[in-house]
Protein backbone atom coordinates (compact mmCIF):
# COMPACT_ATOMS: atom_id res chain seq x y z
CA UNK A 1 29.95 -14.77 -63.95
CA UNK A 2 26.70 -16.45 -64.48
CA UNK A 3 27.92 -18.13 -61.09
CA UNK A 4 28.35 -14.83 -59.47
CA UNK A 5 24.97 -13.68 -60.67
CA UNK A 6 23.28 -16.86 -59.49
CA UNK A 7 24.71 -16.28 -55.74
CA UNK A 8 23.60 -12.68 -55.93
CA UNK A 9 20.11 -13.75 -56.14
CA UNK A 10 20.20 -16.69 -54.14
CA UNK A 11 21.59 -14.98 -50.92
CA UNK A 12 18.79 -12.21 -50.77
CA UNK A 13 16.28 -14.73 -51.62
CA UNK A 14 17.54 -17.14 -48.55
CA UNK A 15 17.47 -14.13 -46.52
CA UNK A 16 13.63 -13.43 -47.46
CA UNK A 17 12.56 -16.89 -46.68
CA UNK A 18 14.44 -17.07 -43.39
CA UNK A 19 13.08 -13.68 -42.38
CA UNK A 20 9.21 -14.94 -43.56
CA UNK A 21 9.76 -18.05 -41.47
CA UNK A 22 10.77 -15.99 -38.35
CA UNK A 23 7.96 -13.94 -38.54
CA UNK A 24 5.76 -16.87 -38.94
CA UNK A 25 7.34 -18.40 -36.03
CA UNK A 26 7.09 -15.70 -33.66
CA UNK A 27 3.54 -15.05 -34.56
CA UNK A 28 2.30 -18.48 -33.77
CA UNK A 29 4.17 -18.25 -30.38
CA UNK A 30 2.75 -14.85 -29.51
CA UNK A 31 -0.99 -16.72 -30.30
CA UNK A 32 0.03 -19.52 -28.10
CA UNK A 33 0.93 -16.88 -25.01
CA UNK A 34 -2.45 -15.11 -26.00
CA UNK A 35 -4.39 -18.29 -25.55
CA UNK A 36 -2.42 -19.41 -22.22
CA UNK A 37 -3.13 -15.91 -20.85
CA UNK A 38 -6.77 -16.22 -21.84
CA UNK A 39 -7.03 -19.42 -19.69
CA UNK A 40 -5.26 -18.00 -17.12
CA UNK A 41 -7.58 -15.13 -16.98
CA UNK A 42 -10.29 -17.07 -16.65
CA UNK A 43 -8.89 -19.37 -14.06
CA UNK A 44 -8.20 -16.14 -12.02
CA UNK A 45 -11.52 -14.89 -12.62
CA UNK A 46 -13.38 -17.93 -11.36
CA UNK A 47 -10.76 -18.13 -8.31
CA UNK A 48 -11.75 -14.38 -7.52
CA UNK A 49 -15.55 -14.99 -7.67
CA UNK A 50 -14.93 -18.05 -5.14
CA UNK A 51 -12.90 -15.33 -2.98
CA UNK A 52 -15.73 -12.99 -2.99
CA UNK A 53 -18.37 -15.22 -1.79
CA UNK A 54 -18.71 -13.91 1.73
CA UNK A 55 -20.32 -16.01 4.69
CA UNK A 56 -21.65 -12.75 6.42
CA UNK A 57 -22.25 -9.12 6.18
CA UNK A 58 -21.10 -6.54 8.73
CA UNK A 59 -23.26 -3.33 8.97
CA UNK A 60 -22.63 -0.12 11.02
CA UNK A 61 -25.94 1.02 12.27
CA UNK A 62 -26.77 4.64 13.93
CA UNK A 63 -29.70 6.89 14.19
CA UNK A 64 -27.64 10.26 12.97
CA UNK A 65 -24.79 10.08 10.21
CA UNK A 66 -25.12 14.12 10.59
CA UNK A 67 -23.61 14.73 14.32
CA UNK A 68 -22.78 17.70 16.11
CA UNK A 69 -19.42 18.53 17.94
CA UNK A 70 -19.34 17.69 21.33
CA UNK A 71 -22.55 15.37 21.28
CA UNK A 72 -22.61 11.61 21.84
CA UNK A 73 -24.41 9.15 19.43
CA UNK A 74 -24.84 5.59 19.75
CA UNK A 75 -23.33 3.30 17.14
CA UNK A 76 -23.98 -0.69 16.55
CA UNK A 77 -21.70 -2.92 14.70
CA UNK A 78 -24.19 -5.86 13.59
CA UNK A 79 -23.35 -9.03 11.81
CA UNK A 80 -25.87 -10.89 9.35
CA UNK A 81 -25.49 -14.40 8.15
CA UNK A 82 -25.30 -15.41 4.30
CA UNK A 83 -25.22 -18.90 5.15
CA UNK A 84 -25.15 -21.02 7.97
CA UNK A 85 -21.75 -21.31 9.62
CA UNK A 86 -20.28 -22.16 13.33
CA UNK A 87 -17.37 -19.64 14.51
CA UNK A 88 -14.69 -20.58 17.10
CA UNK A 89 -13.20 -17.33 17.03
CA UNK A 90 -13.42 -13.55 16.22
CA UNK A 91 -10.69 -10.87 15.49
CA UNK A 92 -12.46 -7.62 15.15
CA UNK A 93 -10.99 -4.31 14.13
CA UNK A 94 -12.87 -1.21 13.38
CA UNK A 95 -10.74 1.62 12.10
CA UNK A 96 -11.79 5.15 12.93
CA UNK A 97 -9.65 9.03 13.19
CA UNK A 98 -9.04 10.03 16.73
CA UNK A 99 -8.21 13.54 15.63
CA UNK A 100 -12.02 13.52 14.45
CA UNK A 101 -13.69 11.79 17.24
CA UNK A 102 -13.39 10.10 20.41
CA UNK A 103 -15.11 6.42 20.94
CA UNK A 104 -16.35 5.64 24.36
CA UNK A 105 -18.85 3.10 26.21
CA UNK A 106 -17.46 0.27 24.46
CA UNK A 107 -19.78 -2.54 25.06
CA UNK A 108 -20.85 -6.44 24.01
CA UNK A 109 -24.44 -6.93 24.16
CA UNK A 110 -24.43 -10.31 22.34
CA UNK A 111 -25.63 -13.03 24.95
CA UNK A 112 -24.86 -15.44 22.46
CA UNK A 113 -20.88 -14.60 22.66
CA UNK A 114 -18.55 -14.61 25.49
CA UNK A 115 -17.31 -11.20 26.86
CA UNK A 116 -14.25 -10.88 24.70
CA UNK A 117 -10.82 -12.04 25.79
CA UNK A 118 -9.17 -8.43 24.92
CA UNK A 119 -10.92 -5.29 23.85
CA UNK A 120 -9.48 -1.49 23.67
CA UNK A 121 -9.97 1.59 21.87
CA UNK A 122 -6.69 2.15 20.63
CA UNK A 123 -5.74 5.83 19.73
CA UNK A 124 -2.15 4.46 18.76
CA UNK A 125 -3.53 2.04 16.25
CA UNK A 126 -6.52 3.95 15.23
CA UNK A 127 -8.55 1.11 15.91
CA UNK A 128 -11.53 -0.54 18.04
CA UNK A 129 -10.18 -4.07 18.80
CA UNK A 130 -12.28 -6.74 20.32
CA UNK A 131 -10.87 -10.50 20.38
CA UNK A 132 -13.29 -13.26 20.86
CA UNK A 133 -12.31 -16.98 21.78
CA UNK A 134 -15.35 -19.02 21.84
CA UNK A 135 -14.73 -22.32 23.96
CA UNK A 136 -17.95 -24.13 23.42
CA UNK A 137 -17.20 -27.29 21.22
CA UNK A 138 -20.05 -26.24 18.63
CA UNK A 139 -18.71 -22.75 18.40
CA UNK A 140 -21.11 -19.67 18.02
CA UNK A 141 -24.11 -20.57 15.45
CA UNK A 142 -24.14 -17.89 12.80
CA UNK A 143 -27.68 -18.23 10.70
CA UNK A 144 -28.60 -17.22 7.59
CA UNK A 145 -30.32 -13.78 7.57
CA UNK A 146 -30.35 -13.51 11.35
CA UNK A 147 -28.62 -10.28 12.61
CA UNK A 148 -26.25 -10.57 15.52
CA UNK A 149 -25.28 -7.30 17.17
CA UNK A 150 -21.13 -7.63 17.92
CA UNK A 151 -20.51 -4.40 19.78
CA UNK A 152 -21.90 -1.19 20.82
CA UNK A 153 -20.11 2.19 21.43
CA UNK A 154 -20.68 6.01 21.62
CA UNK A 155 -19.09 8.36 18.78
CA UNK A 156 -18.41 11.71 19.98
CA UNK A 157 -16.99 14.33 17.18
CA UNK A 158 -14.59 16.53 18.18
CA UNK A 159 -14.15 18.93 15.26
CA UNK A 160 -15.98 19.58 12.22
CA UNK A 161 -15.72 17.70 8.93
CA UNK A 162 -16.23 14.38 7.31
CA UNK A 163 -15.06 11.13 9.10
CA UNK A 164 -15.64 7.56 8.69
CA UNK A 165 -15.74 4.10 10.37
CA UNK A 166 -14.75 0.76 8.69
CA UNK A 167 -13.73 -2.56 9.02
CA UNK A 168 -9.73 -2.97 8.94
CA UNK A 169 -8.84 -5.87 6.96
CA UNK A 170 -5.10 -5.66 7.61
CA UNK A 171 -2.34 -2.69 7.54
CA UNK A 172 1.01 -2.53 5.63
CA UNK A 173 2.57 -5.13 8.13
CA UNK A 174 -0.53 -7.15 7.88
CA UNK A 175 -1.66 -6.65 11.74
CA UNK A 176 -4.92 -5.62 12.97
CA UNK A 177 -6.71 -7.88 10.51
CA UNK A 178 -10.61 -8.88 10.78
CA UNK A 179 -11.03 -12.52 10.96
CA UNK A 180 -13.87 -15.17 11.56
CA UNK A 181 -12.36 -18.45 12.16
CA UNK A 182 -14.69 -21.32 11.02
CA UNK A 183 -15.25 -23.96 13.56
CA UNK A 184 -13.62 -27.37 12.92
CA UNK A 185 -11.94 -26.33 9.77
CA UNK A 186 -10.15 -23.39 11.14
CA UNK A 187 -10.52 -21.61 8.05
CA UNK A 188 -10.86 -17.54 7.92
CA UNK A 189 -14.66 -16.92 6.66
CA UNK A 190 -15.12 -14.28 4.01
CA UNK A 191 -17.19 -11.24 4.84
CA UNK A 192 -18.49 -7.99 3.49
CA UNK A 193 -19.07 -4.92 5.34
CA UNK A 194 -20.38 -1.22 4.89
CA UNK A 195 -18.62 2.12 5.98
CA UNK A 196 -20.19 4.61 8.25
CA UNK A 197 -19.56 7.95 6.81
CA UNK A 198 -20.20 10.75 9.32
CA UNK A 199 -20.70 14.44 8.70
CA UNK A 200 -19.54 16.66 11.68
CA UNK A 201 -21.11 19.98 12.28
CA UNK A 202 -21.23 22.72 15.08
């Protein structure tokens, strides 16, 4: 009888010890995972900061952000250097809404850049396209704080409402990606850009 009573006491006691040890083990594992997550988050954060550093800024400029239907307005896309860089090639895609505006008189006044190998206002893709291949050995010089014109065009609003022009960084199929290729390294340079918000009135 005593042995049976002893067994009845020992079995729950052993079960409690096993459960306690399991809880301690799981808790320690969780702490380890959390520590690793923190270090990964710190690493990812540092990588994000590096990726966000931009070599240039693209800025739309116009005298009128409020435009009347049927009238023509000049828009310029400028590039300002944030550091000195040499550029071998530029793939430029400006997105717009062809139901809201027409784009005409596409021009490239920058004498430091060659005429684009390809340029078009595409109503099918909803983009203004300009692809520059710079053949000079040293590439195109982008200097810090220097402003260069990339393209000019006219906007003709078609109907009332709000619309926007912006730099396209790629669609769902990763096409129409704006890129600036660095001379000698062939790397794609990071950039920042603004959006031109337009209010169309009658």
